[in-house]
């Protein structure tokens, strides 16, 4: 895992700049003794403290997954997610959960497996064992402004979890829907691949500046949402 590199960027959307609201997205990338954790969160736009909620999502997932990675025993993922939820409620206190609702996208990479988790919208793309895995929220049966998210009640069935053996791992890309919703679904895999090809070999400071400029100058007309992307890349073959 010493060959892994991580990078990401988050920019406020034109819509929030115009209304004076903060960036409601957050992300964290953490290397621990026994693995890596990447998490992205998008605060629900209608909630007044969703930026607080998204930041708390990222710290909560990383803290719980750090303990999970260090645990000598097997732990049921349902119990792990329940603990993430409890930690989130603690971290947003004394704010109300209904004011802090936020989505969750995470990836945990251990020496043996990858765990991908999604609560709500956004995209996870994982390239492993020469295959692409794409996780997206299915909005076909719901209103476009309704998404599953962290709230007061823990609902395990709202989560989507996928565990796969680690084999020839190449990269993971996580984005909020400010990015994924602007790209046709059949182009998302190529977007992730091209993004990794373009930026993974850049020097960190230069890379961050380039990604920030790309997100600010987003080529979709009338785009307004915050945009966040986080990546974990295996450069062992470079």
C-alpha atoms as a PDB file:
ATOM      1  CA  UNK A   1       0.000   0.000   0.000  1.00  0.00           C
ATOM      2  CA  UNK A   2       3.053   2.253  -0.006  1.00  0.00           C
ATOM      3  CA  UNK A   3       2.500   2.630  -3.742  1.00  0.00           C
ATOM      4  CA  UNK A   4      -0.893   4.309  -3.241  1.00  0.00           C
ATOM      5  CA  UNK A   5      -1.412   8.044  -3.720  1.00  0.00           C
ATOM      6  CA  UNK A   6      -4.512  10.039  -2.835  1.00  0.00           C
ATOM      7  CA  UNK A   7      -5.779  13.411  -3.975  1.00  0.00           C
ATOM      8  CA  UNK A   8      -8.964  15.402  -4.241  1.00  0.00           C
ATOM      9  CA  UNK A   9     -10.543  18.814  -4.468  1.00  0.00           C
ATOM     10  CA  UNK A  10     -13.789  20.571  -3.557  1.00  0.00           C
ATOM     11  CA  UNK A  11     -15.075  23.861  -4.972  1.00  0.00           C
ATOM     12  CA  UNK A  12     -18.138  25.899  -4.163  1.00  0.00           C
ATOM     13  CA  UNK A  13     -20.745  26.068  -6.903  1.00  0.00           C
ATOM     14  CA  UNK A  14     -21.813  29.290  -8.642  1.00  0.00           C
ATOM     15  CA  UNK A  15     -25.286  28.892  -7.164  1.00  0.00           C
ATOM     16  CA  UNK A  16     -23.993  29.023  -3.597  1.00  0.00           C
ATOM     17  CA  UNK A  17     -21.637  31.895  -4.396  1.00  0.00           C
ATOM     18  CA  UNK A  18     -24.598  33.870  -5.688  1.00  0.00           C
ATOM     19  CA  UNK A  19     -26.742  33.161  -2.600  1.00  0.00           C
ATOM     20  CA  UNK A  20     -23.920  33.548  -0.090  1.00  0.00           C
ATOM     21  CA  UNK A  21     -24.082  29.955   1.122  1.00  0.00           C
ATOM     22  CA  UNK A  22     -20.978  27.927   2.032  1.00  0.00           C
ATOM     23  CA  UNK A  23     -19.664  24.923   0.145  1.00  0.00           C
ATOM     24  CA  UNK A  24     -21.864  22.082   1.393  1.00  0.00           C
ATOM     25  CA  UNK A  25     -19.513  19.313   0.177  1.00  0.00           C
ATOM     26  CA  UNK A  26     -16.695  17.723   2.183  1.00  0.00           C
ATOM     27  CA  UNK A  27     -14.094  15.010   1.615  1.00  0.00           C
ATOM     28  CA  UNK A  28     -11.293  13.237   3.483  1.00  0.00           C
ATOM     29  CA  UNK A  29      -8.569  10.830   2.423  1.00  0.00           C
ATOM     30  CA  UNK A  30      -6.736   9.002   5.205  1.00  0.00           C
ATOM     31  CA  UNK A  31      -3.907   6.493   5.293  1.00  0.00           C
ATOM     32  CA  UNK A  32      -3.854   4.248   8.360  1.00  0.00           C
ATOM     33  CA  UNK A  33      -1.578   1.445   9.462  1.00  0.00           C
ATOM     34  CA  UNK A  34      -3.797  -1.267   7.987  1.00  0.00           C
ATOM     35  CA  UNK A  35      -5.424   0.476   5.052  1.00  0.00           C
ATOM     36  CA  UNK A  36      -6.856   3.538   3.369  1.00  0.00           C
ATOM     37  CA  UNK A  37     -10.156   5.384   3.762  1.00  0.00           C
ATOM     38  CA  UNK A  38     -11.700   7.790   1.246  1.00  0.00           C
ATOM     39  CA  UNK A  39     -14.993   9.551   1.942  1.00  0.00           C
ATOM     40  CA  UNK A  40     -17.053  12.222   0.170  1.00  0.00           C
ATOM     41  CA  UNK A  41     -20.212  13.862   1.463  1.00  0.00           C
ATOM     42  CA  UNK A  42     -22.722  16.281  -0.020  1.00  0.00           C
ATOM     43  CA  UNK A  43     -24.835  18.318   2.379  1.00  0.00           C
ATOM     44  CA  UNK A  44     -28.521  18.392   1.486  1.00  0.00           C
ATOM     45  CA  UNK A  45     -29.070  21.808  -0.045  1.00  0.00           C
ATOM     46  CA  UNK A  46     -32.310  22.617   1.757  1.00  0.00           C
ATOM     47  CA  UNK A  47     -30.797  22.103   5.216  1.00  0.00           C
ATOM     48  CA  UNK A  48     -29.272  25.154   6.958  1.00  0.00           C
ATOM     49  CA  UNK A  49     -26.309  23.294   8.490  1.00  0.00           C
ATOM     50  CA  UNK A  50     -25.679  20.706   5.800  1.00  0.00           C
ATOM     51  CA  UNK A  51     -22.040  21.870   5.536  1.00  0.00           C
ATOM     52  CA  UNK A  52     -21.663  20.928   9.202  1.00  0.00           C
ATOM     53  CA  UNK A  53     -23.295  17.583   8.475  1.00  0.00           C
ATOM     54  CA  UNK A  54     -21.046  16.766   5.525  1.00  0.00           C
ATOM     55  CA  UNK A  55     -17.871  17.606   7.447  1.00  0.00           C
ATOM     56  CA  UNK A  56     -19.100  15.437  10.328  1.00  0.00           C
ATOM     57  CA  UNK A  57     -19.791  12.566   7.902  1.00  0.00           C
ATOM     58  CA  UNK A  58     -16.183  12.579   6.720  1.00  0.00           C
ATOM     59  CA  UNK A  59     -14.633  12.689  10.178  1.00  0.00           C
ATOM     60  CA  UNK A  60     -17.074  10.078  11.505  1.00  0.00           C
ATOM     61  CA  UNK A  61     -16.434   7.601   8.691  1.00  0.00           C
ATOM     62  CA  UNK A  62     -12.660   7.986   8.978  1.00  0.00           C
ATOM     63  CA  UNK A  63     -12.620   7.599  12.757  1.00  0.00           C
ATOM     64  CA  UNK A  64     -14.832   4.520  12.755  1.00  0.00           C
ATOM     65  CA  UNK A  65     -13.054   2.900   9.818  1.00  0.00           C
ATOM     66  CA  UNK A  66      -9.684   3.480  11.484  1.00  0.00           C
ATOM     67  CA  UNK A  67     -10.918   1.395  14.408  1.00  0.00           C
ATOM     68  CA  UNK A  68     -12.392  -1.142  11.992  1.00  0.00           C
ATOM     69  CA  UNK A  69      -9.048  -1.508  10.233  1.00  0.00           C
ATOM     70  CA  UNK A  70      -7.290  -2.026  13.553  1.00  0.00           C
ATOM     71  CA  UNK A  71      -9.814  -4.520  14.898  1.00  0.00           C
ATOM     72  CA  UNK A  72      -8.380  -8.032  15.397  1.00  0.00           C
ATOM     73  CA  UNK A  73     -11.800  -9.607  14.904  1.00  0.00           C
ATOM     74  CA  UNK A  74     -14.373  -9.687  12.142  1.00  0.00           C
ATOM     75  CA  UNK A  75     -17.058  -7.009  12.561  1.00  0.00           C
ATOM     76  CA  UNK A  76     -20.432  -7.005  10.809  1.00  0.00           C
ATOM     77  CA  UNK A  77     -20.685  -4.063   8.409  1.00  0.00           C
ATOM     78  CA  UNK A  78     -24.150  -3.245   9.738  1.00  0.00           C
ATOM     79  CA  UNK A  79     -22.653  -2.621  13.178  1.00  0.00           C
ATOM     80  CA  UNK A  80     -19.913  -0.507  11.578  1.00  0.00           C
ATOM     81  CA  UNK A  81     -22.467   1.686   9.804  1.00  0.00           C
ATOM     82  CA  UNK A  82     -24.545   1.989  12.953  1.00  0.00           C
ATOM     83  CA  UNK A  83     -21.445   3.250  14.759  1.00  0.00           C
ATOM     84  CA  UNK A  84     -20.762   5.737  11.935  1.00  0.00           C
ATOM     85  CA  UNK A  85     -24.282   7.061  12.386  1.00  0.00           C
ATOM     86  CA  UNK A  86     -23.892   7.347  16.159  1.00  0.00           C
ATOM     87  CA  UNK A  87     -20.543   9.112  15.788  1.00  0.00           C
ATOM     88  CA  UNK A  88     -22.116  11.506  13.272  1.00  0.00           C
ATOM     89  CA  UNK A  89     -24.878  12.423  15.728  1.00  0.00           C
ATOM     90  CA  UNK A  90     -22.221  13.047  18.366  1.00  0.00           C
ATOM     91  CA  UNK A  91     -20.068  15.148  16.036  1.00  0.00           C
ATOM     92  CA  UNK A  92     -22.906  17.442  14.926  1.00  0.00           C
ATOM     93  CA  UNK A  93     -24.113  18.002  18.496  1.00  0.00           C
ATOM     94  CA  UNK A  94     -25.668  20.274  19.693  1.00  0.00           C
ATOM     95  CA  UNK A  95     -27.073  20.893  16.198  1.00  0.00           C
ATOM     96  CA  UNK A  96     -30.192  18.995  15.175  1.00  0.00           C
ATOM     97  CA  UNK A  97     -29.789  16.075  12.788  1.00  0.00           C
ATOM     98  CA  UNK A  98     -32.589  17.406  10.569  1.00  0.00           C
ATOM     99  CA  UNK A  99     -30.569  20.584  10.007  1.00  0.00           C
ATOM    100  CA  UNK A 100     -27.389  18.676   9.051  1.00  0.00           C
ATOM    101  CA  UNK A 101     -28.520  16.014   6.564  1.00  0.00           C
ATOM    102  CA  UNK A 102     -25.803  14.820   4.189  1.00  0.00           C
ATOM    103  CA  UNK A 103     -25.034  11.978   1.806  1.00  0.00           C
ATOM    104  CA  UNK A 104     -22.191   9.473   2.198  1.00  0.00           C
ATOM    105  CA  UNK A 105     -19.793   7.880  -0.281  1.00  0.00           C
ATOM    106  CA  UNK A 106     -16.854   5.914   1.086  1.00  0.00           C
ATOM    107  CA  UNK A 107     -14.203   3.395   0.135  1.00  0.00           C
ATOM    108  CA  UNK A 108     -12.074   1.345   2.506  1.00  0.00           C
ATOM    109  CA  UNK A 109      -9.080  -0.503   1.086  1.00  0.00           C
ATOM    110  CA  UNK A 110      -7.379  -3.156   3.206  1.00  0.00           C
ATOM    111  CA  UNK A 111      -4.611  -5.593   2.310  1.00  0.00           C
ATOM    112  CA  UNK A 112      -7.250  -8.148   1.287  1.00  0.00           C
ATOM    113  CA  UNK A 113     -10.436  -6.386   0.227  1.00  0.00           C
ATOM    114  CA  UNK A 114     -12.233  -3.221  -0.817  1.00  0.00           C
ATOM    115  CA  UNK A 115     -15.430  -2.022   0.865  1.00  0.00           C
ATOM    116  CA  UNK A 116     -17.542   0.481  -1.055  1.00  0.00           C
ATOM    117  CA  UNK A 117     -20.463   2.247   0.628  1.00  0.00           C
ATOM    118  CA  UNK A 118     -23.088   4.656  -0.597  1.00  0.00           C
ATOM    119  CA  UNK A 119     -25.948   6.484   1.110  1.00  0.00           C
ATOM    120  CA  UNK A 120     -27.626   8.831  -1.341  1.00  0.00           C
ATOM    121  CA  UNK A 121     -26.423  10.296  -4.597  1.00  0.00           C
ATOM    122  CA  UNK A 122     -23.022  10.803  -6.169  1.00  0.00           C
ATOM    123  CA  UNK A 123     -20.696   8.320  -7.869  1.00  0.00           C
ATOM    124  CA  UNK A 124     -18.164   5.683  -6.897  1.00  0.00           C
ATOM    125  CA  UNK A 125     -16.013   4.214  -9.656  1.00  0.00           C
ATOM    126  CA  UNK A 126     -13.563   1.445  -8.789  1.00  0.00           C
ATOM    127  CA  UNK A 127     -11.099  -0.272 -11.115  1.00  0.00           C
ATOM    128  CA  UNK A 128     -10.040  -3.623  -9.646  1.00  0.00           C
ATOM    129  CA  UNK A 129      -9.053  -6.975 -11.144  1.00  0.00           C
ATOM    130  CA  UNK A 130      -9.235  -5.412 -14.635  1.00  0.00           C
ATOM    131  CA  UNK A 131     -12.936  -4.666 -14.153  1.00  0.00           C
ATOM    132  CA  UNK A 132     -14.891  -1.450 -13.592  1.00  0.00           C
ATOM    133  CA  UNK A 133     -17.418  -1.092 -10.781  1.00  0.00           C
ATOM    134  CA  UNK A 134     -19.792   1.871 -10.935  1.00  0.00           C
ATOM    135  CA  UNK A 135     -22.111   2.760  -8.047  1.00  0.00           C
ATOM    136  CA  UNK A 136     -24.801   5.384  -8.614  1.00  0.00           C
ATOM    137  CA  UNK A 137     -27.997   6.373  -6.868  1.00  0.00           C
ATOM    138  CA  UNK A 138     -31.083   5.187  -8.763  1.00  0.00           C
ATOM    139  CA  UNK A 139     -33.288   8.260  -9.145  1.00  0.00           C
ATOM    140  CA  UNK A 140     -35.738   6.729 -11.595  1.00  0.00           C
ATOM    141  CA  UNK A 141     -38.378   6.083  -8.948  1.00  0.00           C
ATOM    142  CA  UNK A 142     -37.931   9.236  -6.888  1.00  0.00           C
ATOM    143  CA  UNK A 143     -38.160  12.983  -7.188  1.00  0.00           C
ATOM    144  CA  UNK A 144     -34.923  14.574  -8.380  1.00  0.00           C
ATOM    145  CA  UNK A 145     -34.564  16.650  -5.205  1.00  0.00           C
ATOM    146  CA  UNK A 146     -35.005  13.723  -2.808  1.00  0.00           C
ATOM    147  CA  UNK A 147     -32.099  11.554  -1.764  1.00  0.00           C
ATOM    148  CA  UNK A 148     -31.223   9.151   1.001  1.00  0.00           C
ATOM    149  CA  UNK A 149     -28.908  10.718   3.551  1.00  0.00           C
ATOM    150  CA  UNK A 150     -27.721  10.832   7.130  1.00  0.00           C
ATOM    151  CA  UNK A 151     -30.545  11.925   9.380  1.00  0.00           C
ATOM    152  CA  UNK A 152     -31.707  11.279  12.930  1.00  0.00           C
ATOM    153  CA  UNK A 153     -32.854   7.697  12.321  1.00  0.00           C
ATOM    154  CA  UNK A 154     -30.448   4.969  11.209  1.00  0.00           C
ATOM    155  CA  UNK A 155     -31.929   2.950   8.330  1.00  0.00           C
ATOM    156  CA  UNK A 156     -29.609   0.170   7.212  1.00  0.00           C
ATOM    157  CA  UNK A 157     -31.702  -0.623   4.130  1.00  0.00           C
ATOM    158  CA  UNK A 158     -30.959   2.872   2.766  1.00  0.00           C
ATOM    159  CA  UNK A 159     -27.279   1.951   2.433  1.00  0.00           C
ATOM    160  CA  UNK A 160     -25.682   0.128  -0.479  1.00  0.00           C
ATOM    161  CA  UNK A 161     -22.552  -1.816   0.445  1.00  0.00           C
ATOM    162  CA  UNK A 162     -20.281  -3.817  -1.846  1.00  0.00           C
ATOM    163  CA  UNK A 163     -17.255  -5.852  -0.732  1.00  0.00           C
ATOM    164  CA  UNK A 164     -14.784  -7.269  -3.255  1.00  0.00           C
ATOM    165  CA  UNK A 165     -11.429  -9.056  -2.946  1.00  0.00           C
ATOM    166  CA  UNK A 166      -8.446  -6.779  -3.541  1.00  0.00           C
ATOM    167  CA  UNK A 167      -6.769  -7.922  -6.741  1.00  0.00           C
ATOM    168  CA  UNK A 168      -4.821  -5.838  -9.258  1.00  0.00           C
ATOM    169  CA  UNK A 169      -6.326  -2.702  -7.734  1.00  0.00           C
ATOM    170  CA  UNK A 170      -5.876   0.396  -9.913  1.00  0.00           C
ATOM    171  CA  UNK A 171      -8.000   3.256  -8.576  1.00  0.00           C
ATOM    172  CA  UNK A 172     -11.135   4.509  -6.867  1.00  0.00           C
ATOM    173  CA  UNK A 173     -12.878   7.785  -7.773  1.00  0.00           C
ATOM    174  CA  UNK A 174     -15.669   9.301  -5.655  1.00  0.00           C
ATOM    175  CA  UNK A 175     -17.642  12.387  -6.702  1.00  0.00           C
ATOM    176  CA  UNK A 176     -20.635  14.310  -5.470  1.00  0.00           C
ATOM    177  CA  UNK A 177     -23.595  14.689  -7.807  1.00  0.00           C
ATOM    178  CA  UNK A 178     -22.416  18.161  -8.776  1.00  0.00           C
ATOM    179  CA  UNK A 179     -20.047  16.228 -11.034  1.00  0.00           C
ATOM    180  CA  UNK A 180     -21.755  12.911 -11.722  1.00  0.00           C
ATOM    181  CA  UNK A 181     -25.165  14.368 -12.594  1.00  0.00           C
ATOM    182  CA  UNK A 182     -23.585  16.561 -15.291  1.00  0.00           C
ATOM    183  CA  UNK A 183     -22.030  13.606 -17.113  1.00  0.00           C
ATOM    184  CA  UNK A 184     -24.089  11.078 -19.119  1.00  0.00           C
ATOM    185  CA  UNK A 185     -24.105   7.785 -17.228  1.00  0.00           C
ATOM    186  CA  UNK A 186     -22.478   5.899 -20.111  1.00  0.00           C
ATOM    187  CA  UNK A 187     -19.539   8.345 -19.986  1.00  0.00           C
ATOM    188  CA  UNK A 188     -18.835   8.155 -16.251  1.00  0.00           C
ATOM    189  CA  UNK A 189     -16.366   5.278 -16.440  1.00  0.00           C
ATOM    190  CA  UNK A 190     -14.362   6.989 -19.166  1.00  0.00           C
ATOM    191  CA  UNK A 191     -14.445  10.253 -17.177  1.00  0.00           C
ATOM    192  CA  UNK A 192     -12.971   8.496 -14.140  1.00  0.00           C
ATOM    193  CA  UNK A 193     -10.324   6.741 -16.231  1.00  0.00           C
ATOM    194  CA  UNK A 194      -9.326   9.914 -18.069  1.00  0.00           C
ATOM    195  CA  UNK A 195      -9.251  11.909 -14.825  1.00  0.00           C
ATOM    196  CA  UNK A 196      -6.856   9.422 -13.239  1.00  0.00           C
ATOM    197  CA  UNK A 197      -4.691   9.353 -16.358  1.00  0.00           C
ATOM    198  CA  UNK A 198      -4.569  13.143 -16.480  1.00  0.00           C
ATOM    199  CA  UNK A 199      -3.808  13.943 -12.848  1.00  0.00           C
ATOM    200  CA  UNK A 200      -2.345  10.974 -10.953  1.00  0.00           C
ATOM    201  CA  UNK A 201       1.234  11.602 -12.116  1.00  0.00           C
ATOM    202  CA  UNK A 202       1.247  15.352 -11.423  1.00  0.00           C
ATOM    203  CA  UNK A 203       3.134  16.843  -8.491  1.00  0.00           C
ATOM    204  CA  UNK A 204       0.699  17.389  -5.569  1.00  0.00           C
ATOM    205  CA  UNK A 205       0.624  21.192  -5.511  1.00  0.00           C
ATOM    206  CA  UNK A 206       0.360  21.566  -9.267  1.00  0.00           C
ATOM    207  CA  UNK A 207      -2.240  18.785  -9.429  1.00  0.00           C
ATOM    208  CA  UNK A 208      -4.530  20.432  -6.878  1.00  0.00           C
ATOM    209  CA  UNK A 209      -4.395  23.758  -8.724  1.00  0.00           C
ATOM    210  CA  UNK A 210      -5.191  22.102 -12.041  1.00  0.00           C
ATOM    211  CA  UNK A 211      -8.131  20.138 -10.634  1.00  0.00           C
ATOM    212  CA  UNK A 212      -9.498  23.223  -8.906  1.00  0.00           C
ATOM    213  CA  UNK A 213      -9.378  25.209 -12.124  1.00  0.00           C
ATOM    214  CA  UNK A 214     -11.038  22.358 -14.015  1.00  0.00           C
ATOM    215  CA  UNK A 215     -13.913  22.200 -11.517  1.00  0.00           C
ATOM    216  CA  UNK A 216     -14.377  25.969 -11.432  1.00  0.00           C
ATOM    217  CA  UNK A 217     -14.346  26.149 -15.241  1.00  0.00           C
ATOM    218  CA  UNK A 218     -16.751  23.217 -15.498  1.00  0.00           C
ATOM    219  CA  UNK A 219     -17.801  22.949 -19.158  1.00  0.00           C
ATOM    220  CA  UNK A 220     -21.503  22.301 -18.536  1.00  0.00           C
ATOM    221  CA  UNK A 221     -23.635  25.394 -19.266  1.00  0.00           C
ATOM    222  CA  UNK A 222     -25.506  26.872 -16.303  1.00  0.00           C
ATOM    223  CA  UNK A 223     -23.905  24.501 -13.769  1.00  0.00           C
ATOM    224  CA  UNK A 224     -24.516  25.685 -10.219  1.00  0.00           C
ATOM    225  CA  UNK A 225     -23.771  22.917  -7.697  1.00  0.00           C
ATOM    226  CA  UNK A 226     -20.728  22.402  -5.481  1.00  0.00           C
ATOM    227  CA  UNK A 227     -18.277  19.909  -6.963  1.00  0.00           C
ATOM    228  CA  UNK A 228     -16.081  17.458  -5.083  1.00  0.00           C
ATOM    229  CA  UNK A 229     -13.857  14.615  -6.225  1.00  0.00           C
ATOM    230  CA  UNK A 230     -11.583  12.297  -4.227  1.00  0.00           C
ATOM    231  CA  UNK A 231      -9.270   9.621  -5.641  1.00  0.00           C
ATOM    232  CA  UNK A 232      -7.120   6.770  -4.429  1.00  0.00           C
ATOM    233  CA  UNK A 233      -4.666   5.387  -6.987  1.00  0.00           C
ATOM    234  CA  UNK A 234      -2.248   2.473  -7.002  1.00  0.00           C
ATOM    235  CA  UNK A 235       0.887   3.649  -8.806  1.00  0.00           C
ATOM    236  CA  UNK A 236       2.809   0.462  -8.125  1.00  0.00           C
ATOM    237  CA  UNK A 237       3.333  -0.187 -11.811  1.00  0.00           C
ATOM    238  CA  UNK A 238       4.585   3.324 -12.603  1.00  0.00           C
END
